[in-house]
Amino acid sequence: MTDKITDPVALWQKMVGEMEKGFNSFATKAMETPEFSQAMNRAGGAAAGAQKQFGDLMEKYLLSMNLPSREQMTGIAERLQAIEGQIGEIKSMLSRMSAASGGAPVDAAPRPPRTKRPPSEGGGPK
């Protein structure tokens, strides 16, 4: 086993640990100052403004390319869901009406045309 004093890995770990402690204490002191919070507030505001500007620019670009924006696609999806819901309600209402009148259900598959005729009363095909 190697001695702790001459072990390069142990020295490296100790040095990194001391650097982390120093950096953490410096960062903690820096974050406690009002200047730091003001700077972070300004940076957040600038980032939000840049994001809004980028969104507006992208919307104009998509408009010039005749493509829908994310907002427009979301609106289309919402309208499509509402239409699908209404169609489902109409189908269920038609099924209930058909069942009440004794007809075939709306969802039933269409029947193929009848090509064979029933035998005539005389017993032979005509």
C-alpha atoms as a PDB file:
ATOM      1  CA  MET A   1       0.000   0.000   0.000  1.00  0.00           C
ATOM      2  CA  THR A   2       1.277   3.465  -0.778  1.00  0.00           C
ATOM      3  CA  ASP A   3       1.767   6.229   1.723  1.00  0.00           C
ATOM      4  CA  LYS A   4      -1.007   8.901   1.778  1.00  0.00           C
ATOM      5  CA  ILE A   5       1.576  11.706   1.514  1.00  0.00           C
ATOM      6  CA  THR A   6       3.144  10.449  -1.715  1.00  0.00           C
ATOM      7  CA  ASP A   7      -0.022   9.061  -3.312  1.00  0.00           C
ATOM      8  CA  PRO A   8      -0.741  11.345  -6.323  1.00  0.00           C
ATOM      9  CA  VAL A   9      -4.421  10.345  -6.452  1.00  0.00           C
ATOM     10  CA  ALA A  10      -4.931  11.244  -2.802  1.00  0.00           C
ATOM     11  CA  LEU A  11      -3.137  14.566  -3.323  1.00  0.00           C
ATOM     12  CA  TRP A  12      -5.315  15.272  -6.366  1.00  0.00           C
ATOM     13  CA  GLN A  13      -8.513  14.438  -4.465  1.00  0.00           C
ATOM     14  CA  LYS A  14      -7.465  16.662  -1.567  1.00  0.00           C
ATOM     15  CA  MET A  15      -6.617  19.546  -3.924  1.00  0.00           C
ATOM     16  CA  VAL A  16      -9.935  19.243  -5.783  1.00  0.00           C
ATOM     17  CA  GLY A  17     -11.836  19.057  -2.476  1.00  0.00           C
ATOM     18  CA  GLU A  18     -10.147  22.242  -1.227  1.00  0.00           C
ATOM     19  CA  MET A  19     -10.875  24.008  -4.518  1.00  0.00           C
ATOM     20  CA  GLU A  20     -14.550  22.994  -4.278  1.00  0.00           C
ATOM     21  CA  LYS A  21     -14.799  24.315  -0.725  1.00  0.00           C
ATOM     22  CA  GLY A  22     -13.208  27.610  -1.744  1.00  0.00           C
ATOM     23  CA  PHE A  23     -15.439  27.981  -4.788  1.00  0.00           C
ATOM     24  CA  ASN A  24     -18.578  27.142  -2.788  1.00  0.00           C
ATOM     25  CA  SER A  25     -17.770  29.712  -0.095  1.00  0.00           C
ATOM     26  CA  PHE A  26     -17.013  32.367  -2.744  1.00  0.00           C
ATOM     27  CA  ALA A  27     -20.224  31.592  -4.655  1.00  0.00           C
ATOM     28  CA  THR A  28     -22.292  31.648  -1.452  1.00  0.00           C
ATOM     29  CA  LYS A  29     -20.918  35.073  -0.496  1.00  0.00           C
ATOM     30  CA  ALA A  30     -21.437  36.400  -4.027  1.00  0.00           C
ATOM     31  CA  MET A  31     -25.042  35.182  -4.181  1.00  0.00           C
ATOM     32  CA  GLU A  32     -25.920  36.899  -0.926  1.00  0.00           C
ATOM     33  CA  THR A  33     -25.217  40.368  -2.348  1.00  0.00           C
ATOM     34  CA  PRO A  34     -28.050  42.468  -3.802  1.00  0.00           C
ATOM     35  CA  GLU A  35     -25.939  43.180  -6.885  1.00  0.00           C
ATOM     36  CA  PHE A  36     -25.957  39.490  -7.766  1.00  0.00           C
ATOM     37  CA  SER A  37     -29.737  39.242  -7.537  1.00  0.00           C
ATOM     38  CA  GLN A  38     -30.118  42.413  -9.643  1.00  0.00           C
ATOM     39  CA  ALA A  39     -27.751  41.021 -12.272  1.00  0.00           C
ATOM     40  CA  MET A  40     -29.630  37.720 -12.360  1.00  0.00           C
ATOM     41  CA  ASN A  41     -32.928  39.574 -12.645  1.00  0.00           C
ATOM     42  CA  ARG A  42     -31.607  41.613 -15.587  1.00  0.00           C
ATOM     43  CA  ALA A  43     -30.223  38.490 -17.236  1.00  0.00           C
ATOM     44  CA  GLY A  44     -33.569  36.711 -16.835  1.00  0.00           C
ATOM     45  CA  GLY A  45     -35.422  39.678 -18.288  1.00  0.00           C
ATOM     46  CA  ALA A  46     -33.054  39.853 -21.234  1.00  0.00           C
ATOM     47  CA  ALA A  47     -33.437  36.126 -21.874  1.00  0.00           C
ATOM     48  CA  ALA A  48     -37.231  36.406 -21.775  1.00  0.00           C
ATOM     49  CA  GLY A  49     -37.158  39.365 -24.169  1.00  0.00           C
ATOM     50  CA  ALA A  50     -34.851  37.523 -26.545  1.00  0.00           C
ATOM     51  CA  GLN A  51     -37.096  34.459 -26.460  1.00  0.00           C
ATOM     52  CA  LYS A  52     -40.172  36.566 -27.255  1.00  0.00           C
ATOM     53  CA  GLN A  53     -38.341  38.302 -30.085  1.00  0.00           C
ATOM     54  CA  PHE A  54     -37.211  34.961 -31.492  1.00  0.00           C
ATOM     55  CA  GLY A  55     -40.779  33.627 -31.301  1.00  0.00           C
ATOM     56  CA  ASP A  56     -42.135  36.648 -33.158  1.00  0.00           C
ATOM     57  CA  LEU A  57     -39.407  36.358 -35.784  1.00  0.00           C
ATOM     58  CA  MET A  58     -40.091  32.635 -36.248  1.00  0.00           C
ATOM     59  CA  GLU A  59     -43.829  33.276 -36.614  1.00  0.00           C
ATOM     60  CA  LYS A  60     -43.162  35.890 -39.310  1.00  0.00           C
ATOM     61  CA  TYR A  61     -40.807  33.474 -41.064  1.00  0.00           C
ATOM     62  CA  LEU A  62     -43.376  30.677 -41.022  1.00  0.00           C
ATOM     63  CA  LEU A  63     -46.034  33.087 -42.266  1.00  0.00           C
ATOM     64  CA  SER A  64     -43.817  34.133 -45.176  1.00  0.00           C
ATOM     65  CA  MET A  65     -43.213  30.440 -45.996  1.00  0.00           C
ATOM     66  CA  ASN A  66     -46.986  29.858 -45.849  1.00  0.00           C
ATOM     67  CA  LEU A  67     -46.585  27.374 -42.968  1.00  0.00           C
ATOM     68  CA  PRO A  68     -48.641  27.259 -39.765  1.00  0.00           C
ATOM     69  CA  SER A  69     -47.078  28.319 -36.477  1.00  0.00           C
ATOM     70  CA  ARG A  70     -47.197  26.226 -33.284  1.00  0.00           C
ATOM     71  CA  GLU A  71     -50.129  28.312 -32.011  1.00  0.00           C
ATOM     72  CA  GLN A  72     -52.054  27.745 -35.214  1.00  0.00           C
ATOM     73  CA  MET A  73     -51.352  24.001 -35.150  1.00  0.00           C
ATOM     74  CA  THR A  74     -52.509  23.825 -31.527  1.00  0.00           C
ATOM     75  CA  GLY A  75     -55.712  25.651 -32.492  1.00  0.00           C
ATOM     76  CA  ILE A  76     -56.296  23.280 -35.390  1.00  0.00           C
ATOM     77  CA  ALA A  77     -55.765  20.256 -33.132  1.00  0.00           C
ATOM     78  CA  GLU A  78     -58.233  21.612 -30.557  1.00  0.00           C
ATOM     79  CA  ARG A  79     -60.862  22.275 -33.219  1.00  0.00           C
ATOM     80  CA  LEU A  80     -60.308  18.815 -34.688  1.00  0.00           C
ATOM     81  CA  GLN A  81     -60.816  17.217 -31.266  1.00  0.00           C
ATOM     82  CA  ALA A  82     -64.064  19.145 -30.833  1.00  0.00           C
ATOM     83  CA  ILE A  83     -65.275  18.021 -34.272  1.00  0.00           C
ATOM     84  CA  GLU A  84     -64.380  14.394 -33.510  1.00  0.00           C
ATOM     85  CA  GLY A  85     -66.323  14.631 -30.253  1.00  0.00           C
ATOM     86  CA  GLN A  86     -69.373  15.981 -32.059  1.00  0.00           C
ATOM     87  CA  ILE A  87     -69.158  13.216 -34.667  1.00  0.00           C
ATOM     88  CA  GLY A  88     -69.006  10.633 -31.882  1.00  0.00           C
ATOM     89  CA  GLU A  89     -72.116  12.132 -30.291  1.00  0.00           C
ATOM     90  CA  ILE A  90     -73.934  12.112 -33.637  1.00  0.00           C
ATOM     91  CA  LYS A  91     -72.998   8.460 -34.241  1.00  0.00           C
ATOM     92  CA  SER A  92     -74.233   7.387 -30.816  1.00  0.00           C
ATOM     93  CA  MET A  93     -77.445   9.359 -31.294  1.00  0.00           C
ATOM     94  CA  LEU A  94     -78.002   7.739 -34.715  1.00  0.00           C
ATOM     95  CA  SER A  95     -77.351   4.284 -33.220  1.00  0.00           C
ATOM     96  CA  ARG A  96     -79.925   4.909 -30.492  1.00  0.00           C
ATOM     97  CA  MET A  97     -82.461   6.169 -33.044  1.00  0.00           C
ATOM     98  CA  SER A  98     -81.824   3.179 -35.309  1.00  0.00           C
ATOM     99  CA  ALA A  99     -82.165   0.723 -32.418  1.00  0.00           C
ATOM    100  CA  ALA A 100     -85.386   2.395 -31.302  1.00  0.00           C
ATOM    101  CA  SER A 101     -86.879   2.131 -34.802  1.00  0.00           C
ATOM    102  CA  GLY A 102     -85.798  -1.502 -35.177  1.00  0.00           C
ATOM    103  CA  GLY A 103     -83.446  -0.883 -38.097  1.00  0.00           C
ATOM    104  CA  ALA A 104     -79.894  -2.106 -38.592  1.00  0.00           C
ATOM    105  CA  PRO A 105     -77.259  -0.490 -36.419  1.00  0.00           C
ATOM    106  CA  VAL A 106     -75.359   2.422 -37.945  1.00  0.00           C
ATOM    107  CA  ASP A 107     -71.975   0.793 -37.374  1.00  0.00           C
ATOM    108  CA  ALA A 108     -73.003  -2.464 -39.109  1.00  0.00           C
ATOM    109  CA  ALA A 109     -71.064  -3.383 -42.231  1.00  0.00           C
ATOM    110  CA  PRO A 110     -73.004  -2.974 -45.477  1.00  0.00           C
ATOM    111  CA  ARG A 111     -74.499  -6.189 -46.787  1.00  0.00           C
ATOM    112  CA  PRO A 112     -73.460  -7.501 -50.188  1.00  0.00           C
ATOM    113  CA  PRO A 113     -76.146  -7.479 -52.901  1.00  0.00           C
ATOM    114  CA  ARG A 114     -78.314 -10.550 -53.106  1.00  0.00           C
ATOM    115  CA  THR A 115     -77.686 -12.379 -56.367  1.00  0.00           C
ATOM    116  CA  LYS A 116     -79.494 -15.644 -55.667  1.00  0.00           C
ATOM    117  CA  ARG A 117     -83.226 -15.694 -55.778  1.00  0.00           C
ATOM    118  CA  PRO A 118     -85.251 -17.875 -53.438  1.00  0.00           C
ATOM    119  CA  PRO A 119     -86.815 -20.917 -55.111  1.00  0.00           C
ATOM    120  CA  SER A 120     -90.203 -20.288 -56.651  1.00  0.00           C
ATOM    121  CA  GLU A 121     -93.294 -21.915 -55.208  1.00  0.00           C
ATOM    122  CA  GLY A 122     -93.290 -24.533 -57.955  1.00  0.00           C
ATOM    123  CA  GLY A 123     -89.993 -25.978 -56.680  1.00  0.00           C
ATOM    124  CA  GLY A 124     -87.773 -25.308 -59.717  1.00  0.00           C
ATOM    125  CA  PRO A 125     -85.481 -22.433 -60.586  1.00  0.00           C
ATOM    126  CA  LYS A 126     -86.705 -20.009 -63.229  1.00  0.00           C
END
